[in-house]
Amino acid sequence: MAAVCDVCGKGPGFGMSVSHSHRRTHRRWNPNIQTVRAAIQGTRRRMNVCTSCLKAGKVARA
C-alpha cells in the first residue's frame, strides 16, 4: 500500500538517519494512513486517508 492520502495527497517525507558517529543513512517518515470506508456522493468507497484529514472532518465515514 502506498503511503499517500487520497484526500490531501500527503506522502512520505525523506531524510537521513544520523547515528552517534554521524554516519548517515536514508530513511523515510510515513504519514499515518488509515483505510476507511467513506461516503462519496452517496456511495461507500474504501479510501486511504491520513489521520489529520480524519480529525479535521474532511471525510464522512460510512
PDB file of N, CA and C in Angstrom:
ATOM      1  N   MET A   1       0.838  -1.175   0.000  1.00  0.00           N
ATOM      2  CA  MET A   1       0.000   0.000   0.000  1.00  0.00           C
ATOM      3  C   MET A   1       0.886   1.241   0.000  1.00  0.00           C
ATOM      4  N   ALA A   2       0.625   2.138  -0.917  1.00  0.00           N
ATOM      5  CA  ALA A   2       1.383   3.377  -0.975  1.00  0.00           C
ATOM      6  C   ALA A   2       0.982   4.277   0.186  1.00  0.00           C
ATOM      7  N   ALA A   3       1.954   4.939   0.781  1.00  0.00           N
ATOM      8  CA  ALA A   3       1.693   5.799   1.940  1.00  0.00           C
ATOM      9  C   ALA A   3       1.315   7.197   1.468  1.00  0.00           C
ATOM     10  N   VAL A   4       0.175   7.290   0.757  1.00  0.00           N
ATOM     11  CA  VAL A   4      -0.293   8.572   0.232  1.00  0.00           C
ATOM     12  C   VAL A   4      -1.767   8.726   0.584  1.00  0.00           C
ATOM     13  N   CYS A   5      -2.134   9.898   1.094  1.00  0.00           N
ATOM     14  CA  CYS A   5      -3.515  10.179   1.453  1.00  0.00           C
ATOM     15  C   CYS A   5      -4.319  10.479   0.188  1.00  0.00           C
ATOM     16  N   ASP A   6      -5.514   9.878   0.074  1.00  0.00           N
ATOM     17  CA  ASP A   6      -6.374  10.100  -1.092  1.00  0.00           C
ATOM     18  C   ASP A   6      -7.059  11.466  -1.041  1.00  0.00           C
ATOM     19  N   VAL A   7      -7.100  12.112   0.127  1.00  0.00           N
ATOM     20  CA  VAL A   7      -7.793  13.388   0.266  1.00  0.00           C
ATOM     21  C   VAL A   7      -6.842  14.556   0.030  1.00  0.00           C
ATOM     22  N   CYS A   8      -5.767  14.619   0.813  1.00  0.00           N
ATOM     23  CA  CYS A   8      -4.871  15.780   0.735  1.00  0.00           C
ATOM     24  C   CYS A   8      -3.601  15.512  -0.062  1.00  0.00           C
ATOM     25  N   GLY A   9      -3.320  14.249  -0.377  1.00  0.00           N
ATOM     26  CA  GLY A   9      -2.130  13.929  -1.161  1.00  0.00           C
ATOM     27  C   GLY A   9      -0.849  13.888  -0.346  1.00  0.00           C
ATOM     28  N   LYS A  10      -0.972  13.882   0.972  1.00  0.00           N
ATOM     29  CA  LYS A  10       0.220  13.842   1.820  1.00  0.00           C
ATOM     30  C   LYS A  10       0.948  12.526   1.624  1.00  0.00           C
ATOM     31  N   GLY A  11       2.249  12.589   1.419  1.00  0.00           N
ATOM     32  CA  GLY A  11       3.061  11.406   1.208  1.00  0.00           C
ATOM     33  C   GLY A  11       4.209  11.360   2.192  1.00  0.00           C
ATOM     34  N   PRO A  12       5.122  10.423   2.019  1.00  0.00           N
ATOM     35  CA  PRO A  12       6.226  10.300   2.956  1.00  0.00           C
ATOM     36  C   PRO A  12       7.228  11.437   2.818  1.00  0.00           C
ATOM     37  N   GLY A  13       7.870  11.749   3.937  1.00  0.00           N
ATOM     38  CA  GLY A  13       8.967  12.701   3.947  1.00  0.00           C
ATOM     39  C   GLY A  13      10.271  11.936   3.985  1.00  0.00           C
ATOM     40  N   PHE A  14      11.281  12.448   3.328  1.00  0.00           N
ATOM     41  CA  PHE A  14      12.552  11.745   3.240  1.00  0.00           C
ATOM     42  C   PHE A  14      13.644  12.533   3.938  1.00  0.00           C
ATOM     43  N   GLY A  15      14.623  11.816   4.436  1.00  0.00           N
ATOM     44  CA  GLY A  15      15.734  12.472   5.105  1.00  0.00           C
ATOM     45  C   GLY A  15      16.817  11.475   5.431  1.00  0.00           C
ATOM     46  N   MET A  16      17.612  11.820   6.420  1.00  0.00           N
ATOM     47  CA  MET A  16      18.733  10.991   6.820  1.00  0.00           C
ATOM     48  C   MET A  16      18.583  10.581   8.276  1.00  0.00           C
ATOM     49  N   SER A  17      18.960   9.349   8.553  1.00  0.00           N
ATOM     50  CA  SER A  17      19.079   8.878   9.922  1.00  0.00           C
ATOM     51  C   SER A  17      20.537   9.061  10.306  1.00  0.00           C
ATOM     52  N   VAL A  18      20.784   9.818  11.379  1.00  0.00           N
ATOM     53  CA  VAL A  18      22.151  10.157  11.762  1.00  0.00           C
ATOM     54  C   VAL A  18      22.488   9.439  13.059  1.00  0.00           C
ATOM     55  N   SER A  19      23.523   8.613  13.030  1.00  0.00           N
ATOM     56  CA  SER A  19      23.933   7.874  14.215  1.00  0.00           C
ATOM     57  C   SER A  19      24.821   8.747  15.105  1.00  0.00           C
ATOM     58  N   HIS A  20      25.216   8.195  16.225  1.00  0.00           N
ATOM     59  CA  HIS A  20      26.073   8.930  17.161  1.00  0.00           C
ATOM     60  C   HIS A  20      27.427   9.252  16.528  1.00  0.00           C
ATOM     61  N   SER A  21      27.922   8.350  15.679  1.00  0.00           N
ATOM     62  CA  SER A  21      29.193   8.605  14.987  1.00  0.00           C
ATOM     63  C   SER A  21      29.006   9.438  13.729  1.00  0.00           C
ATOM     64  N   HIS A  22      27.772   9.911  13.518  1.00  0.00           N
ATOM     65  CA  HIS A  22      27.386  10.783  12.407  1.00  0.00           C
ATOM     66  C   HIS A  22      27.426  10.093  11.043  1.00  0.00           C
ATOM     67  N   ARG A  23      27.335   8.768  11.026  1.00  0.00           N
ATOM     68  CA  ARG A  23      27.127   8.071   9.750  1.00  0.00           C
ATOM     69  C   ARG A  23      25.678   8.288   9.352  1.00  0.00           C
ATOM     70  N   ARG A  24      25.452   8.626   8.084  1.00  0.00           N
ATOM     71  CA  ARG A  24      24.099   8.967   7.637  1.00  0.00           C
ATOM     72  C   ARG A  24      23.577   7.923   6.673  1.00  0.00           C
ATOM     73  N   THR A  25      22.350   7.476   6.911  1.00  0.00           N
ATOM     74  CA  THR A  25      21.676   6.541   6.016  1.00  0.00           C
ATOM     75  C   THR A  25      20.297   7.104   5.698  1.00  0.00           C
ATOM     76  N   HIS A  26      19.780   6.732   4.551  1.00  0.00           N
ATOM     77  CA  HIS A  26      18.480   7.240   4.103  1.00  0.00           C
ATOM     78  C   HIS A  26      17.352   6.641   4.940  1.00  0.00           C
ATOM     79  N   ARG A  27      16.343   7.428   5.219  1.00  0.00           N
ATOM     80  CA  ARG A  27      15.152   6.942   5.894  1.00  0.00           C
ATOM     81  C   ARG A  27      13.949   7.727   5.406  1.00  0.00           C
ATOM     82  N   ARG A  28      12.758   7.278   5.781  1.00  0.00           N
ATOM     83  CA  ARG A  28      11.548   7.979   5.390  1.00  0.00           C
ATOM     84  C   ARG A  28      10.558   8.008   6.543  1.00  0.00           C
ATOM     85  N   TRP A  29       9.813   9.095   6.607  1.00  0.00           N
ATOM     86  CA  TRP A  29       8.760   9.270   7.604  1.00  0.00           C
ATOM     87  C   TRP A  29       7.430   9.124   6.885  1.00  0.00           C
ATOM     88  N   ASN A  30       6.727   8.025   7.156  1.00  0.00           N
ATOM     89  CA  ASN A  30       5.434   7.801   6.522  1.00  0.00           C
ATOM     90  C   ASN A  30       4.332   8.501   7.313  1.00  0.00           C
ATOM     91  N   PRO A  31       3.346   9.085   6.625  1.00  0.00           N
ATOM     92  CA  PRO A  31       2.196   9.636   7.346  1.00  0.00           C
ATOM     93  C   PRO A  31       1.341   8.498   7.890  1.00  0.00           C
ATOM     94  N   ASN A  32       0.532   8.809   8.883  1.00  0.00           N
ATOM     95  CA  ASN A  32      -0.341   7.810   9.495  1.00  0.00           C
ATOM     96  C   ASN A  32      -1.569   7.626   8.605  1.00  0.00           C
ATOM     97  N   ILE A  33      -1.517   6.628   7.726  1.00  0.00           N
ATOM     98  CA  ILE A  33      -2.578   6.372   6.752  1.00  0.00           C
ATOM     99  C   ILE A  33      -3.480   5.264   7.277  1.00  0.00           C
ATOM    100  N   GLN A  34      -4.795   5.524   7.286  1.00  0.00           N
ATOM    101  CA  GLN A  34      -5.782   4.547   7.712  1.00  0.00           C
ATOM    102  C   GLN A  34      -6.700   4.227   6.545  1.00  0.00           C
ATOM    103  N   THR A  35      -7.081   2.964   6.427  1.00  0.00           N
ATOM    104  CA  THR A  35      -8.057   2.557   5.414  1.00  0.00           C
ATOM    105  C   THR A  35      -9.441   2.688   6.024  1.00  0.00           C
ATOM    106  N   VAL A  36     -10.274   3.560   5.430  1.00  0.00           N
ATOM    107  CA  VAL A  36     -11.614   3.809   5.961  1.00  0.00           C
ATOM    108  C   VAL A  36     -12.639   3.655   4.841  1.00  0.00           C
ATOM    109  N   ARG A  37     -13.879   3.329   5.249  1.00  0.00           N
ATOM    110  CA  ARG A  37     -14.988   3.339   4.301  1.00  0.00           C
ATOM    111  C   ARG A  37     -15.626   4.707   4.380  1.00  0.00           C
ATOM    112  N   ALA A  38     -15.625   5.418   3.266  1.00  0.00           N
ATOM    113  CA  ALA A  38     -16.137   6.787   3.240  1.00  0.00           C
ATOM    114  C   ALA A  38     -17.336   6.877   2.306  1.00  0.00           C
ATOM    115  N   ALA A  39     -18.219   7.797   2.629  1.00  0.00           N
ATOM    116  CA  ALA A  39     -19.391   8.045   1.786  1.00  0.00           C
ATOM    117  C   ALA A  39     -19.038   9.117   0.768  1.00  0.00           C
ATOM    118  N   ILE A  40     -18.903   8.719  -0.497  1.00  0.00           N
ATOM    119  CA  ILE A  40     -18.568   9.634  -1.585  1.00  0.00           C
ATOM    120  C   ILE A  40     -19.753   9.678  -2.538  1.00  0.00           C
ATOM    121  N   GLN A  41     -20.435  10.816  -2.591  1.00  0.00           N
ATOM    122  CA  GLN A  41     -21.596  11.031  -3.463  1.00  0.00           C
ATOM    123  C   GLN A  41     -22.639   9.924  -3.288  1.00  0.00           C
ATOM    124  N   GLY A  42     -22.902   9.584  -2.048  1.00  0.00           N
ATOM    125  CA  GLY A  42     -23.929   8.597  -1.744  1.00  0.00           C
ATOM    126  C   GLY A  42     -23.495   7.147  -1.830  1.00  0.00           C
ATOM    127  N   THR A  43     -22.297   6.873  -2.302  1.00  0.00           N
ATOM    128  CA  THR A  43     -21.808   5.500  -2.386  1.00  0.00           C
ATOM    129  C   THR A  43     -20.678   5.306  -1.393  1.00  0.00           C
ATOM    130  N   ARG A  44     -20.562   4.066  -0.890  1.00  0.00           N
ATOM    131  CA  ARG A  44     -19.476   3.757   0.031  1.00  0.00           C
ATOM    132  C   ARG A  44     -18.247   3.331  -0.741  1.00  0.00           C
ATOM    133  N   ARG A  45     -17.108   3.877  -0.348  1.00  0.00           N
ATOM    134  CA  ARG A  45     -15.868   3.581  -1.043  1.00  0.00           C
ATOM    135  C   ARG A  45     -14.749   3.433  -0.024  1.00  0.00           C
ATOM    136  N   ARG A  46     -13.822   2.540  -0.276  1.00  0.00           N
ATOM    137  CA  ARG A  46     -12.682   2.354   0.602  1.00  0.00           C
ATOM    138  C   ARG A  46     -11.580   3.323   0.186  1.00  0.00           C
ATOM    139  N   MET A  47     -11.081   4.076   1.145  1.00  0.00           N
ATOM    140  CA  MET A  47     -10.071   5.096   0.838  1.00  0.00           C
ATOM    141  C   MET A  47      -8.929   5.007   1.835  1.00  0.00           C
ATOM    142  N   ASN A  48      -7.753   5.462   1.398  1.00  0.00           N
ATOM    143  CA  ASN A  48      -6.606   5.606   2.279  1.00  0.00           C
ATOM    144  C   ASN A  48      -6.537   7.072   2.684  1.00  0.00           C
ATOM    145  N   VAL A  49      -6.752   7.340   3.981  1.00  0.00           N
ATOM    146  CA  VAL A  49      -6.863   8.711   4.469  1.00  0.00           C
ATOM    147  C   VAL A  49      -5.902   8.888   5.636  1.00  0.00           C
ATOM    148  N   CYS A  50      -5.214  10.039   5.687  1.00  0.00           N
ATOM    149  CA  CYS A  50      -4.335  10.314   6.820  1.00  0.00           C
ATOM    150  C   CYS A  50      -5.175  10.747   8.018  1.00  0.00           C
ATOM    151  N   THR A  51      -4.627  10.575   9.206  1.00  0.00           N
ATOM    152  CA  THR A  51      -5.380  10.843  10.420  1.00  0.00           C
ATOM    153  C   THR A  51      -5.668  12.326  10.596  1.00  0.00           C
ATOM    154  N   SER A  52      -4.842  13.202  10.044  1.00  0.00           N
ATOM    155  CA  SER A  52      -5.122  14.635  10.165  1.00  0.00           C
ATOM    156  C   SER A  52      -6.365  15.012   9.354  1.00  0.00           C
ATOM    157  N   CYS A  53      -6.609  14.353   8.227  1.00  0.00           N
ATOM    158  CA  CYS A  53      -7.835  14.592   7.458  1.00  0.00           C
ATOM    159  C   CYS A  53      -9.050  14.022   8.179  1.00  0.00           C
ATOM    160  N   LEU A  54      -8.889  12.872   8.841  1.00  0.00           N
ATOM    161  CA  LEU A  54      -9.992  12.300   9.607  1.00  0.00           C
ATOM    162  C   LEU A  54     -10.371  13.213  10.763  1.00  0.00           C
ATOM    163  N   LYS A  55      -9.365  13.731  11.497  1.00  0.00           N
ATOM    164  CA  LYS A  55      -9.617  14.604  12.629  1.00  0.00           C
ATOM    165  C   LYS A  55     -10.233  15.927  12.190  1.00  0.00           C
ATOM    166  N   ALA A  56      -9.853  16.425  11.012  1.00  0.00           N
ATOM    167  CA  ALA A  56     -10.356  17.707  10.514  1.00  0.00           C
ATOM    168  C   ALA A  56     -11.772  17.593   9.959  1.00  0.00           C
ATOM    169  N   GLY A  57     -12.287  16.368   9.822  1.00  0.00           N
ATOM    170  CA  GLY A  57     -13.635  16.173   9.316  1.00  0.00           C
ATOM    171  C   GLY A  57     -13.747  16.308   7.819  1.00  0.00           C
ATOM    172  N   LYS A  58     -12.657  16.090   7.099  1.00  0.00           N
ATOM    173  CA  LYS A  58     -12.684  16.200   5.639  1.00  0.00           C
ATOM    174  C   LYS A  58     -13.320  14.978   4.986  1.00  0.00           C
ATOM    175  N   VAL A  59     -13.514  13.908   5.767  1.00  0.00           N
ATOM    176  CA  VAL A  59     -14.067  12.664   5.227  1.00  0.00           C
ATOM    177  C   VAL A  59     -15.285  12.282   6.052  1.00  0.00           C
ATOM    178  N   ALA A  60     -16.387  11.966   5.358  1.00  0.00           N
ATOM    179  CA  ALA A  60     -17.579  11.445   6.032  1.00  0.00           C
ATOM    180  C   ALA A  60     -17.514   9.940   6.021  1.00  0.00           C
ATOM    181  N   ARG A  61     -17.343   9.352   7.210  1.00  0.00           N
ATOM    182  CA  ARG A  61     -17.226   7.911   7.284  1.00  0.00           C
ATOM    183  C   ARG A  61     -18.588   7.247   7.060  1.00  0.00           C
ATOM    184  N   ALA A  62     -18.564   6.102   6.374  1.00  0.00           N
ATOM    185  CA  ALA A  62     -19.804   5.373   6.074  1.00  0.00           C
ATOM    186  C   ALA A  62     -20.007   4.242   7.070  1.00  0.00           C
TER     187      ALA A  62
END
